[in-house]
C-alpha atoms as a PDB file:
ATOM      1  CA  MET A   1      61.774   1.638 -67.391  1.00  0.00           C
ATOM      2  CA  ALA A   2      59.869   4.363 -64.842  1.00  0.00           C
ATOM      3  CA  THR A   3      59.204   3.259 -61.260  1.00  0.00           C
ATOM      4  CA  ILE A   4      56.277   4.386 -58.911  1.00  0.00           C
ATOM      5  CA  LYS A   5      59.597   6.913 -57.573  1.00  0.00           C
ATOM      6  CA  ASP A   6      59.905   8.612 -60.652  1.00  0.00           C
ATOM      7  CA  VAL A   7      56.085   9.556 -60.778  1.00  0.00           C
ATOM      8  CA  ALA A   8      56.344  10.681 -57.140  1.00  0.00           C
ATOM      9  CA  GLU A   9      58.953  12.822 -57.612  1.00  0.00           C
ATOM     10  CA  ARG A  10      57.554  13.954 -61.102  1.00  0.00           C
ATOM     11  CA  VAL A  11      54.351  15.014 -59.054  1.00  0.00           C
ATOM     12  CA  GLY A  12      56.174  16.685 -56.131  1.00  0.00           C
ATOM     13  CA  VAL A  13      54.861  13.774 -53.730  1.00  0.00           C
ATOM     14  CA  SER A  14      55.801  10.667 -51.235  1.00  0.00           C
ATOM     15  CA  VAL A  15      55.980   7.472 -53.093  1.00  0.00           C
ATOM     16  CA  THR A  16      53.012   6.580 -50.200  1.00  0.00           C
ATOM     17  CA  THR A  17      51.430   9.347 -51.543  1.00  0.00           C
ATOM     18  CA  VAL A  18      51.326   8.028 -54.865  1.00  0.00           C
ATOM     19  CA  SER A  19      51.230   4.565 -53.838  1.00  0.00           C
ATOM     20  CA  ARG A  20      47.883   5.267 -51.608  1.00  0.00           C
ATOM     21  CA  VAL A  21      46.367   6.619 -55.422  1.00  0.00           C
ATOM     22  CA  LEU A  22      46.834   3.841 -57.116  1.00  0.00           C
ATOM     23  CA  ASN A  23      45.339   1.526 -54.217  1.00  0.00           C
ATOM     24  CA  ASN A  24      42.794   4.272 -53.743  1.00  0.00           C
ATOM     25  CA  ARG A  25      43.338   4.577 -50.350  1.00  0.00           C
ATOM     26  CA  GLY A  26      42.392   7.230 -47.265  1.00  0.00           C
ATOM     27  CA  TYR A  27      41.708  10.554 -48.329  1.00  0.00           C
ATOM     28  CA  LEU A  28      42.892  12.031 -51.940  1.00  0.00           C
ATOM     29  CA  SER A  29      41.906  14.860 -54.272  1.00  0.00           C
ATOM     30  CA  GLU A  30      40.764  14.771 -57.600  1.00  0.00           C
ATOM     31  CA  ASP A  31      43.757  17.287 -58.318  1.00  0.00           C
ATOM     32  CA  LEU A  32      45.772  14.916 -56.808  1.00  0.00           C
ATOM     33  CA  LYS A  33      44.788  12.151 -58.595  1.00  0.00           C
ATOM     34  CA  ARG A  34      44.439  13.870 -61.599  1.00  0.00           C
ATOM     35  CA  ARG A  35      48.889  14.635 -61.581  1.00  0.00           C
ATOM     36  CA  VAL A  36      49.480  11.284 -60.605  1.00  0.00           C
ATOM     37  CA  TYR A  37      47.704   9.522 -63.114  1.00  0.00           C
ATOM     38  CA  GLN A  38      48.995  12.455 -66.092  1.00  0.00           C
ATOM     39  CA  ALA A  39      52.645  11.641 -64.605  1.00  0.00           C
ATOM     40  CA  MET A  40      52.227   8.073 -65.273  1.00  0.00           C
ATOM     41  CA  GLU A  41      51.409   8.518 -68.588  1.00  0.00           C
ATOM     42  CA  GLU A  42      53.868  10.784 -69.385  1.00  0.00           C
ATOM     43  CA  LEU A  43      56.011   8.662 -67.547  1.00  0.00           C
ATOM     44  CA  ASN A  44      54.455   5.540 -69.539  1.00  0.00           C
ATOM     45  CA  TYR A  45      54.943   3.993 -65.796  1.00  0.00           C
ATOM     46  CA  GLN A  46      53.377   0.802 -65.653  1.00  0.00           C
ATOM     47  CA  PRO A  47      51.318  -0.445 -61.641  1.00  0.00           C
ATOM     48  CA  ASN A  48      52.755  -4.175 -61.033  1.00  0.00           C
ATOM     49  CA  GLU A  49      49.429  -5.363 -60.886  1.00  0.00           C
ATOM     50  CA  LEU A  50      50.503  -8.679 -59.192  1.00  0.00           C
ATOM     51  CA  ALA A  51      52.139  -6.671 -56.189  1.00  0.00           C
ATOM     52  CA  ARG A  52      49.261  -4.214 -56.077  1.00  0.00           C
ATOM     53  CA  SER A  53      46.852  -7.507 -55.863  1.00  0.00           C
ATOM     54  CA  LEU A  54      48.503  -8.729 -52.611  1.00  0.00           C
ATOM     55  CA  PHE A  55      48.779  -5.065 -50.759  1.00  0.00           C
ATOM     56  CA  ARG A  56      45.199  -4.822 -51.862  1.00  0.00           C
ATOM     57  CA  LYS A  57      44.604  -8.696 -51.122  1.00  0.00           C
ATOM     58  CA  LYS A  58      42.655  -8.480 -54.270  1.00  0.00           C
ATOM     59  CA  SER A  59      43.289  -9.042 -57.646  1.00  0.00           C
ATOM     60  CA  ASN A  60      39.929  -7.950 -58.946  1.00  0.00           C
ATOM     61  CA  ILE A  61      40.768 -11.082 -61.958  1.00  0.00           C
ATOM     62  CA  ILE A  62      38.859 -14.394 -62.311  1.00  0.00           C
ATOM     63  CA  GLY A  63      40.229 -17.416 -63.525  1.00  0.00           C
ATOM     64  CA  LEU A  64      37.968 -19.378 -66.467  1.00  0.00           C
ATOM     65  CA  ILE A  65      38.904 -23.000 -66.934  1.00  0.00           C
ATOM     66  CA  ILE A  66      36.905 -24.779 -69.879  1.00  0.00           C
ATOM     67  CA  PRO A  67      37.602 -27.357 -71.712  1.00  0.00           C
ATOM     68  CA  ASP A  68      38.213 -26.874 -74.857  1.00  0.00           C
ATOM     69  CA  ILE A  69      37.957 -23.185 -76.674  1.00  0.00           C
ATOM     70  CA  SER A  70      36.977 -24.218 -79.948  1.00  0.00           C
ATOM     71  CA  HIS A  71      33.608 -25.669 -79.515  1.00  0.00           C
ATOM     72  CA  PRO A  72      31.364 -23.331 -80.172  1.00  0.00           C
ATOM     73  CA  PHE A  73      29.442 -23.707 -76.888  1.00  0.00           C
ATOM     74  CA  PHE A  74      32.486 -23.192 -74.558  1.00  0.00           C
ATOM     75  CA  SER A  75      33.630 -20.208 -76.542  1.00  0.00           C
ATOM     76  CA  GLU A  76      29.671 -18.314 -76.825  1.00  0.00           C
ATOM     77  CA  ILE A  77      30.356 -18.573 -72.374  1.00  0.00           C
ATOM     78  CA  ALA A  78      33.974 -17.755 -71.981  1.00  0.00           C
ATOM     79  CA  ILE A  79      32.673 -14.382 -74.078  1.00  0.00           C
ATOM     80  CA  HIS A  80      29.655 -13.625 -71.737  1.00  0.00           C
ATOM     81  CA  ILE A  81      32.013 -14.540 -68.922  1.00  0.00           C
ATOM     82  CA  GLU A  82      34.218 -11.942 -69.787  1.00  0.00           C
ATOM     83  CA  THR A  83      32.055  -9.489 -70.763  1.00  0.00           C
ATOM     84  CA  PHE A  84      29.584  -9.767 -67.435  1.00  0.00           C
ATOM     85  CA  ALA A  85      33.347  -9.647 -65.753  1.00  0.00           C
ATOM     86  CA  TYR A  86      34.642  -6.980 -67.162  1.00  0.00           C
ATOM     87  CA  LYS A  87      31.044  -5.083 -66.735  1.00  0.00           C
ATOM     88  CA  SER A  88      31.506  -5.813 -62.613  1.00  0.00           C
ATOM     89  CA  GLY A  89      35.140  -4.435 -62.887  1.00  0.00           C
ATOM     90  CA  TYR A  90      37.038  -7.721 -63.285  1.00  0.00           C
ATOM     91  CA  LYS A  91      39.304  -9.488 -65.459  1.00  0.00           C
ATOM     92  CA  ILE A  92      39.323 -12.258 -67.253  1.00  0.00           C
ATOM     93  CA  LEU A  93      41.982 -15.298 -66.970  1.00  0.00           C
ATOM     94  CA  LEU A  94      41.208 -17.896 -69.686  1.00  0.00           C
ATOM     95  CA  CYS A  95      42.428 -21.854 -69.253  1.00  0.00           C
ATOM     96  CA  ASN A  96      42.275 -24.106 -72.090  1.00  0.00           C
ATOM     97  CA  SER A  97      42.592 -27.332 -70.546  1.00  0.00           C
ATOM     98  CA  GLN A  98      41.203 -29.709 -73.448  1.00  0.00           C
ATOM     99  CA  LEU A  99      40.287 -32.208 -70.544  1.00  0.00           C
ATOM    100  CA  ASP A 100      43.494 -33.148 -69.519  1.00  0.00           C
ATOM    101  CA  LYS A 101      43.836 -33.706 -66.134  1.00  0.00           C
ATOM    102  CA  LYS A 102      48.154 -32.609 -65.489  1.00  0.00           C
ATOM    103  CA  LYS A 103      46.945 -29.793 -67.967  1.00  0.00           C
ATOM    104  CA  GLU A 104      44.364 -28.546 -65.539  1.00  0.00           C
ATOM    105  CA  LYS A 105      45.614 -28.957 -62.182  1.00  0.00           C
ATOM    106  CA  ASP A 106      48.593 -26.916 -63.597  1.00  0.00           C
ATOM    107  CA  TYR A 107      46.311 -24.167 -64.577  1.00  0.00           C
ATOM    108  CA  LEU A 108      44.294 -24.499 -61.063  1.00  0.00           C
ATOM    109  CA  ASN A 109      48.313 -24.178 -59.526  1.00  0.00           C
ATOM    110  CA  MET A 110      48.581 -21.121 -61.711  1.00  0.00           C
ATOM    111  CA  LEU A 111      45.488 -19.641 -60.878  1.00  0.00           C
ATOM    112  CA  LYS A 112      46.266 -19.875 -57.169  1.00  0.00           C
ATOM    113  CA  ALA A 113      49.457 -18.223 -57.302  1.00  0.00           C
ATOM    114  CA  SER A 114      48.493 -15.386 -59.555  1.00  0.00           C
ATOM    115  CA  GLN A 115      46.215 -14.394 -56.205  1.00  0.00           C
ATOM    116  CA  VAL A 116      43.091 -14.645 -58.460  1.00  0.00           C
ATOM    117  CA  ASP A 117      40.125 -13.645 -56.390  1.00  0.00           C
ATOM    118  CA  GLY A 118      37.860 -17.014 -57.512  1.00  0.00           C
ATOM    119  CA  ILE A 119      37.383 -19.060 -60.035  1.00  0.00           C
ATOM    120  CA  ILE A 120      34.282 -20.401 -62.737  1.00  0.00           C
ATOM    121  CA  MET A 121      35.394 -23.931 -63.587  1.00  0.00           C
ATOM    122  CA  GLY A 122      33.771 -25.713 -66.630  1.00  0.00           C
ATOM    123  CA  SER A 123      36.493 -28.675 -67.437  1.00  0.00           C
ATOM    124  CA  HIS A 124      36.450 -31.215 -64.768  1.00  0.00           C
ATOM    125  CA  THR A 125      38.636 -34.113 -64.847  1.00  0.00           C
ATOM    126  CA  LEU A 126      40.135 -33.920 -61.574  1.00  0.00           C
ATOM    127  CA  ASP A 127      38.889 -35.735 -58.045  1.00  0.00           C
ATOM    128  CA  THR A 128      36.489 -33.777 -56.705  1.00  0.00           C
ATOM    129  CA  GLU A 129      38.897 -33.529 -53.544  1.00  0.00           C
ATOM    130  CA  GLU A 130      41.589 -31.450 -55.321  1.00  0.00           C
ATOM    131  CA  TYR A 131      39.071 -28.995 -56.195  1.00  0.00           C
ATOM    132  CA  LYS A 132      37.585 -28.521 -52.408  1.00  0.00           C
ATOM    133  CA  SER A 133      41.101 -27.924 -51.703  1.00  0.00           C
ATOM    134  CA  ILE A 134      41.262 -24.719 -53.917  1.00  0.00           C
ATOM    135  CA  ASN A 135      40.726 -22.988 -50.626  1.00  0.00           C
ATOM    136  CA  MET A 136      39.307 -19.923 -52.903  1.00  0.00           C
ATOM    137  CA  PRO A 137      35.346 -18.712 -54.195  1.00  0.00           C
ATOM    138  CA  LEU A 138      34.615 -21.153 -57.011  1.00  0.00           C
ATOM    139  CA  VAL A 139      31.670 -21.875 -58.922  1.00  0.00           C
ATOM    140  CA  THR A 140      31.430 -24.939 -61.237  1.00  0.00           C
ATOM    141  CA  LEU A 141      29.727 -24.989 -64.951  1.00  0.00           C
ATOM    142  CA  ASP A 142      27.401 -27.952 -64.747  1.00  0.00           C
ATOM    143  CA  ARG A 143      28.965 -30.518 -62.173  1.00  0.00           C
ATOM    144  CA  GLN A 144      27.881 -30.869 -58.775  1.00  0.00           C
ATOM    145  CA  LEU A 145      31.015 -31.178 -56.168  1.00  0.00           C
ATOM    146  CA  SER A 146      30.400 -31.166 -53.029  1.00  0.00           C
ATOM    147  CA  GLU A 147      27.082 -29.706 -50.627  1.00  0.00           C
ATOM    148  CA  SER A 148      29.079 -26.448 -50.555  1.00  0.00           C
ATOM    149  CA  ILE A 149      30.371 -25.583 -54.437  1.00  0.00           C
ATOM    150  CA  PRO A 150      27.551 -24.186 -55.894  1.00  0.00           C
ATOM    151  CA  TYR A 151      27.195 -24.646 -59.634  1.00  0.00           C
ATOM    152  CA  VAL A 152      25.281 -23.780 -62.338  1.00  0.00           C
ATOM    153  CA  SER A 153      23.597 -25.543 -64.764  1.00  0.00           C
ATOM    154  CA  SER A 154      20.904 -25.808 -67.444  1.00  0.00           C
ATOM    155  CA  ASP A 155      17.659 -28.156 -66.960  1.00  0.00           C
ATOM    156  CA  HIS A 156      19.033 -31.103 -68.984  1.00  0.00           C
ATOM    157  CA  TYR A 157      15.890 -33.417 -68.122  1.00  0.00           C
ATOM    158  CA  LYS A 158      13.824 -31.064 -69.562  1.00  0.00           C
ATOM    159  CA  GLY A 159      15.610 -30.448 -72.572  1.00  0.00           C
ATOM    160  CA  GLY A 160      15.621 -34.480 -72.982  1.00  0.00           C
ATOM    161  CA  GLN A 161      12.557 -34.974 -72.694  1.00  0.00           C
ATOM    162  CA  LEU A 162      11.521 -31.906 -74.956  1.00  0.00           C
ATOM    163  CA  ALA A 163      13.270 -33.235 -77.247  1.00  0.00           C
ATOM    164  CA  THR A 164      12.664 -36.846 -77.171  1.00  0.00           C
ATOM    165  CA  LYS A 165       8.467 -35.890 -76.959  1.00  0.00           C
ATOM    166  CA  LEU A 166       9.010 -33.234 -80.558  1.00  0.00           C
ATOM    167  CA  LEU A 167      10.029 -36.635 -81.768  1.00  0.00           C
ATOM    168  CA  ILE A 168       7.449 -38.764 -80.672  1.00  0.00           C
ATOM    169  CA  ARG A 169       4.955 -36.103 -81.977  1.00  0.00           C
ATOM    170  CA  LYS A 170       5.828 -35.677 -84.949  1.00  0.00           C
ATOM    171  CA  GLY A 171       5.378 -39.554 -85.696  1.00  0.00           C
ATOM    172  CA  CYS A 172       8.816 -40.969 -84.796  1.00  0.00           C
ATOM    173  CA  LYS A 173       9.450 -44.939 -84.292  1.00  0.00           C
ATOM    174  CA  LYS A 174      12.629 -45.660 -83.916  1.00  0.00           C
ATOM    175  CA  ILE A 175      14.946 -42.569 -82.248  1.00  0.00           C
ATOM    176  CA  ALA A 176      18.833 -42.785 -81.636  1.00  0.00           C
ATOM    177  CA  HIS A 177      20.119 -40.445 -78.876  1.00  0.00           C
ATOM    178  CA  ILE A 178      23.822 -39.806 -79.423  1.00  0.00           C
ATOM    179  CA  SER A 179      24.789 -38.927 -76.245  1.00  0.00           C
ATOM    180  CA  GLY A 180      27.863 -37.460 -74.372  1.00  0.00           C
ATOM    181  CA  ASN A 181      29.426 -40.175 -71.740  1.00  0.00           C
ATOM    182  CA  LEU A 182      27.760 -41.319 -69.485  1.00  0.00           C
ATOM    183  CA  LYS A 183      30.570 -42.159 -67.325  1.00  0.00           C
ATOM    184  CA  LEU A 184      31.192 -38.416 -66.529  1.00  0.00           C
ATOM    185  CA  HIS A 185      29.941 -37.036 -63.150  1.00  0.00           C
ATOM    186  CA  LEU A 186      28.374 -34.758 -65.275  1.00  0.00           C
ATOM    187  CA  LEU A 187      24.868 -32.684 -64.733  1.00  0.00           C
ATOM    188  CA  ALA A 188      24.291 -33.061 -68.729  1.00  0.00           C
ATOM    189  CA  LYS A 189      23.765 -36.344 -68.439  1.00  0.00           C
ATOM    190  CA  ALA A 190      20.470 -35.844 -67.650  1.00  0.00           C
ATOM    191  CA  ARG A 191      19.519 -35.501 -70.517  1.00  0.00           C
ATOM    192  CA  TYR A 192      19.864 -39.607 -71.311  1.00  0.00           C
ATOM    193  CA  ASP A 193      17.699 -39.377 -67.937  1.00  0.00           C
ATOM    194  CA  GLY A 194      14.939 -37.563 -70.048  1.00  0.00           C
ATOM    195  CA  PHE A 195      15.344 -39.833 -73.254  1.00  0.00           C
ATOM    196  CA  ILE A 196      15.216 -42.859 -71.966  1.00  0.00           C
ATOM    197  CA  ASP A 197      12.063 -42.356 -69.400  1.00  0.00           C
ATOM    198  CA  THR A 198      10.340 -40.170 -72.568  1.00  0.00           C
ATOM    199  CA  VAL A 199      11.179 -43.434 -74.859  1.00  0.00           C
ATOM    200  CA  LYS A 200      10.105 -45.871 -72.479  1.00  0.00           C
ATOM    201  CA  LYS A 201       7.009 -44.021 -70.976  1.00  0.00           C
ATOM    202  CA  HIS A 202       5.951 -43.852 -75.043  1.00  0.00           C
ATOM    203  CA  SER A 203       6.924 -47.857 -75.730  1.00  0.00           C
ATOM    204  CA  ILE A 204       8.959 -46.626 -78.293  1.00  0.00           C
ATOM    205  CA  ASN A 205      12.084 -48.144 -79.670  1.00  0.00           C
ATOM    206  CA  HIS A 206      15.105 -46.867 -78.926  1.00  0.00           C
ATOM    207  CA  VAL A 207      18.655 -47.152 -79.483  1.00  0.00           C
ATOM    208  CA  VAL A 208      21.580 -45.089 -77.204  1.00  0.00           C
ATOM    209  CA  VAL A 209      25.717 -44.606 -78.361  1.00  0.00           C
ATOM    210  CA  GLN A 210      27.822 -42.565 -76.862  1.00  0.00           C
ATOM    211  CA  THR A 211      31.020 -40.463 -77.644  1.00  0.00           C
ATOM    212  CA  ASP A 212      34.298 -40.668 -76.352  1.00  0.00           C
ATOM    213  CA  LEU A 213      35.501 -39.954 -72.997  1.00  0.00           C
ATOM    214  CA  ASN A 214      38.050 -38.051 -73.278  1.00  0.00           C
ATOM    215  CA  GLY A 215      37.457 -34.344 -75.388  1.00  0.00           C
ATOM    216  CA  PHE A 216      35.133 -33.341 -78.631  1.00  0.00           C
ATOM    217  CA  LYS A 217      36.501 -35.501 -80.443  1.00  0.00           C
ATOM    218  CA  TYR A 218      35.082 -33.947 -84.007  1.00  0.00           C
ATOM    219  CA  ASP A 219      36.126 -36.746 -86.615  1.00  0.00           C
ATOM    220  CA  GLU A 220      34.756 -39.641 -83.898  1.00  0.00           C
ATOM    221  CA  TYR A 221      31.318 -37.808 -84.324  1.00  0.00           C
ATOM    222  CA  LYS A 222      31.155 -38.942 -88.106  1.00  0.00           C
ATOM    223  CA  LYS A 223      32.172 -42.326 -87.412  1.00  0.00           C
ATOM    224  CA  ILE A 224      29.550 -42.468 -84.692  1.00  0.00           C
ATOM    225  CA  VAL A 225      27.195 -41.512 -86.963  1.00  0.00           C
ATOM    226  CA  THR A 226      28.063 -43.235 -89.887  1.00  0.00           C
ATOM    227  CA  GLU A 227      28.350 -46.397 -87.610  1.00  0.00           C
ATOM    228  CA  LEU A 228      25.103 -45.587 -86.217  1.00  0.00           C
ATOM    229  CA  PHE A 229      23.116 -45.847 -89.633  1.00  0.00           C
ATOM    230  CA  LEU A 230      25.092 -48.238 -91.029  1.00  0.00           C
ATOM    231  CA  LYS A 231      23.495 -50.703 -87.823  1.00  0.00           C
ATOM    232  CA  HIS A 232      20.000 -48.764 -87.964  1.00  0.00           C
ATOM    233  CA  PRO A 233      19.057 -47.795 -91.077  1.00  0.00           C
ATOM    234  CA  ASP A 234      15.613 -47.651 -90.289  1.00  0.00           C
ATOM    235  CA  LEU A 235      15.682 -45.017 -87.884  1.00  0.00           C
ATOM    236  CA  ASP A 236      13.750 -41.897 -88.328  1.00  0.00           C
ATOM    237  CA  GLY A 237      14.393 -40.006 -85.404  1.00  0.00           C
ATOM    238  CA  VAL A 238      17.075 -38.654 -83.747  1.00  0.00           C
ATOM    239  CA  PHE A 239      18.212 -36.489 -80.703  1.00  0.00           C
ATOM    240  CA  ALA A 240      22.136 -35.121 -80.368  1.00  0.00           C
ATOM    241  CA  SER A 241      23.561 -34.554 -77.447  1.00  0.00           C
ATOM    242  CA  SER A 242      24.537 -31.099 -79.366  1.00  0.00           C
ATOM    243  CA  ASP A 243      24.263 -29.082 -81.923  1.00  0.00           C
ATOM    244  CA  LEU A 244      27.423 -30.275 -83.285  1.00  0.00           C
ATOM    245  CA  ILE A 245      26.514 -33.781 -83.454  1.00  0.00           C
ATOM    246  CA  ALA A 246      23.327 -32.997 -84.854  1.00  0.00           C
ATOM    247  CA  ALA A 247      25.095 -31.041 -88.100  1.00  0.00           C
ATOM    248  CA  GLN A 248      27.067 -34.431 -88.568  1.00  0.00           C
ATOM    249  CA  VAL A 249      24.049 -36.394 -88.504  1.00  0.00           C
ATOM    250  CA  LEU A 250      22.352 -33.533 -91.270  1.00  0.00           C
ATOM    251  CA  LYS A 251      25.584 -34.485 -93.163  1.00  0.00           C
ATOM    252  CA  GLU A 252      25.092 -38.354 -93.211  1.00  0.00           C
ATOM    253  CA  CYS A 253      21.901 -38.163 -94.009  1.00  0.00           C
ATOM    254  CA  LYS A 254      22.318 -35.852 -97.128  1.00  0.00           C
ATOM    255  CA  ARG A 255      25.697 -38.741 -98.066  1.00  0.00           C
ATOM    256  CA  LEU A 256      22.860 -41.446 -97.542  1.00  0.00           C
ATOM    257  CA  GLY A 257      20.380 -39.981 -99.972  1.00  0.00           C
ATOM    258  CA  LYS A 258      17.660 -39.630 -96.621  1.00  0.00           C
ATOM    259  CA  ARG A 259      15.636 -36.810 -96.366  1.00  0.00           C
ATOM    260  CA  VAL A 260      15.175 -34.761 -93.501  1.00  0.00           C
ATOM    261  CA  PRO A 261      13.100 -34.202 -92.419  1.00  0.00           C
ATOM    262  CA  GLU A 262      10.565 -36.365 -94.455  1.00  0.00           C
ATOM    263  CA  ASP A 263      12.856 -39.615 -93.732  1.00  0.00           C
ATOM    264  CA  VAL A 264      14.579 -39.045 -90.659  1.00  0.00           C
ATOM    265  CA  LYS A 265      14.034 -35.930 -88.003  1.00  0.00           C
ATOM    266  CA  VAL A 266      16.564 -34.807 -85.692  1.00  0.00           C
ATOM    267  CA  VAL A 267      16.779 -32.136 -83.058  1.00  0.00           C
ATOM    268  CA  GLY A 268      20.442 -31.239 -81.233  1.00  0.00           C
ATOM    269  CA  PHE A 269      21.447 -29.371 -77.955  1.00  0.00           C
ATOM    270  CA  ASP A 270      22.846 -25.888 -77.347  1.00  0.00           C
ATOM    271  CA  GLY A 271      21.201 -23.756 -79.595  1.00  0.00           C
ATOM    272  CA  ILE A 272      24.475 -21.888 -80.947  1.00  0.00           C
ATOM    273  CA  ARG A 273      24.827 -19.299 -82.720  1.00  0.00           C
ATOM    274  CA  VAL A 274      26.326 -21.475 -85.540  1.00  0.00           C
ATOM    275  CA  GLY A 275      23.381 -23.721 -85.669  1.00  0.00           C
ATOM    276  CA  GLU A 276      21.757 -20.726 -87.464  1.00  0.00           C
ATOM    277  CA  PHE A 277      23.580 -21.042 -90.610  1.00  0.00           C
ATOM    278  CA  MET A 278      22.532 -24.652 -91.072  1.00  0.00           C
ATOM    279  CA  MET A 279      20.823 -25.915 -93.714  1.00  0.00           C
ATOM    280  CA  PRO A 280      17.821 -27.204 -93.659  1.00  0.00           C
ATOM    281  CA  GLY A 281      17.219 -24.913 -90.286  1.00  0.00           C
ATOM    282  CA  LEU A 282      17.957 -27.366 -86.869  1.00  0.00           C
ATOM    283  CA  SER A 283      15.563 -27.963 -84.559  1.00  0.00           C
ATOM    284  CA  THR A 284      17.213 -27.908 -81.190  1.00  0.00           C
ATOM    285  CA  ILE A 285      17.288 -27.438 -77.202  1.00  0.00           C
ATOM    286  CA  GLN A 286      18.557 -24.273 -76.825  1.00  0.00           C
ATOM    287  CA  GLN A 287      20.657 -23.270 -73.468  1.00  0.00           C
ATOM    288  CA  PRO A 288      20.293 -19.911 -71.933  1.00  0.00           C
ATOM    289  CA  ILE A 289      24.115 -19.790 -72.794  1.00  0.00           C
ATOM    290  CA  LYS A 290      24.005 -15.789 -71.787  1.00  0.00           C
ATOM    291  CA  ASP A 291      21.929 -16.097 -68.330  1.00  0.00           C
ATOM    292  CA  ILE A 292      24.330 -19.770 -67.422  1.00  0.00           C
ATOM    293  CA  ALA A 293      27.836 -16.810 -67.920  1.00  0.00           C
ATOM    294  CA  LYS A 294      25.359 -13.766 -66.009  1.00  0.00           C
ATOM    295  CA  THR A 295      24.732 -16.002 -63.210  1.00  0.00           C
ATOM    296  CA  ALA A 296      28.131 -17.917 -62.847  1.00  0.00           C
ATOM    297  CA  VAL A 297      29.985 -14.371 -62.398  1.00  0.00           C
ATOM    298  CA  LYS A 298      27.209 -12.968 -60.123  1.00  0.00           C
ATOM    299  CA  LEU A 299      27.463 -16.444 -57.918  1.00  0.00           C
ATOM    300  CA  LEU A 300      30.928 -15.976 -57.873  1.00  0.00           C
ATOM    301  CA  ILE A 301      31.071 -12.327 -57.303  1.00  0.00           C
ATOM    302  CA  ASP A 302      29.058 -12.077 -54.488  1.00  0.00           C
ATOM    303  CA  TRP A 303      30.729 -14.920 -52.513  1.00  0.00           C
ATOM    304  CA  ILE A 304      34.193 -13.193 -53.696  1.00  0.00           C
ATOM    305  CA  ASN A 305      32.282 -10.142 -51.370  1.00  0.00           C
ATOM    306  CA  GLY A 306      31.078 -12.403 -48.523  1.00  0.00           C
ATOM    307  CA  THR A 307      27.595 -12.631 -49.660  1.00  0.00           C
ATOM    308  CA  GLU A 308      26.288 -16.333 -49.034  1.00  0.00           C
ATOM    309  CA  VAL A 309      24.826 -17.846 -52.675  1.00  0.00           C
ATOM    310  CA  PRO A 310      23.164 -20.396 -53.161  1.00  0.00           C
ATOM    311  CA  ARG A 311      24.592 -24.242 -54.440  1.00  0.00           C
ATOM    312  CA  GLU A 312      22.286 -25.385 -56.692  1.00  0.00           C
ATOM    313  CA  ASN A 313      20.927 -23.059 -59.804  1.00  0.00           C
ATOM    314  CA  ILE A 314      19.516 -24.925 -62.742  1.00  0.00           C
ATOM    315  CA  LEU A 315      18.219 -22.074 -65.413  1.00  0.00           C
ATOM    316  CA  PRO A 316      15.281 -23.414 -67.875  1.00  0.00           C
ATOM    317  CA  VAL A 317      15.960 -24.156 -71.391  1.00  0.00           C
ATOM    318  CA  LYS A 318      14.034 -23.907 -74.555  1.00  0.00           C
ATOM    319  CA  LEU A 319      12.677 -25.722 -77.521  1.00  0.00           C
ATOM    320  CA  ILE A 320      13.154 -24.519 -80.988  1.00  0.00           C
ATOM    321  CA  GLU A 321      11.258 -25.967 -83.491  1.00  0.00           C
ATOM    322  CA  LYS A 322      13.105 -25.464 -86.789  1.00  0.00           C
ATOM    323  CA  GLU A 323      12.810 -27.549 -90.758  1.00  0.00           C
ATOM    324  CA  THR A 324      14.483 -30.553 -89.269  1.00  0.00           C
ATOM    325  CA  THR A 325      11.609 -31.790 -87.883  1.00  0.00           C
END
């Protein structure tokens, strides 16, 4: 395996000069840089990125921890984060926590040891103090951790209002909200708040059921939806806290012989691309996934570069009305 000394000998310069080229330090002629990179290619020399990052005190690597890469929302946001980071000269180190506390802590320790420049945190199972002690730039998705840590979120409350108002406007008399677990301290809980405030304001009969505390369990969605219609056969409207849950509602309606939207009207949340393939077309509250990713990356890079960044970053949602309402 070729070393930096081999590269220096091939070019006819010192090891220090090659190191300066690799780390872009000091004045370097274009001809010298061309000869060094040509020698590296000919010798198949791979620089030690960790050593270089220690030397530069910057790795140009961002850590990204998400709860479940198989979930369409998080896979989409991860794709956009990687795209915007790469365009800004950064690479992504992706970690999939699966909402496991030990796994999330292990990943945090690994990212710190790997000398990443900052972390975008989409998984939040640990206590706030553990995140505050990371001692590096950190941006969170959908969670307020402290007065010093910036976060990016959709306007979940407005989304809850829009979804519920649509169902009421379409004539629904008994509406169910299938929410995320309300014990989690996530900003997404505001979808529930928007729903509750709206049904109470309009004196609409309603019911709320919650998903499990530990993760995105697709088999559980089926059980929740089945039990919901068993206990409340007179439901004529459902606001689901995700498009995946809404898809399960559509499936159960078909099994029960309930027509959508004639008998039951359904609204989802997220606006993920897979929703475009649902039949009938799903009405949903669309999160600005691409803008969330872009904002998170920009905030983190600005912070890495010493620029003061706003703590609260709440982006607008959009009602997409299709055949299910």
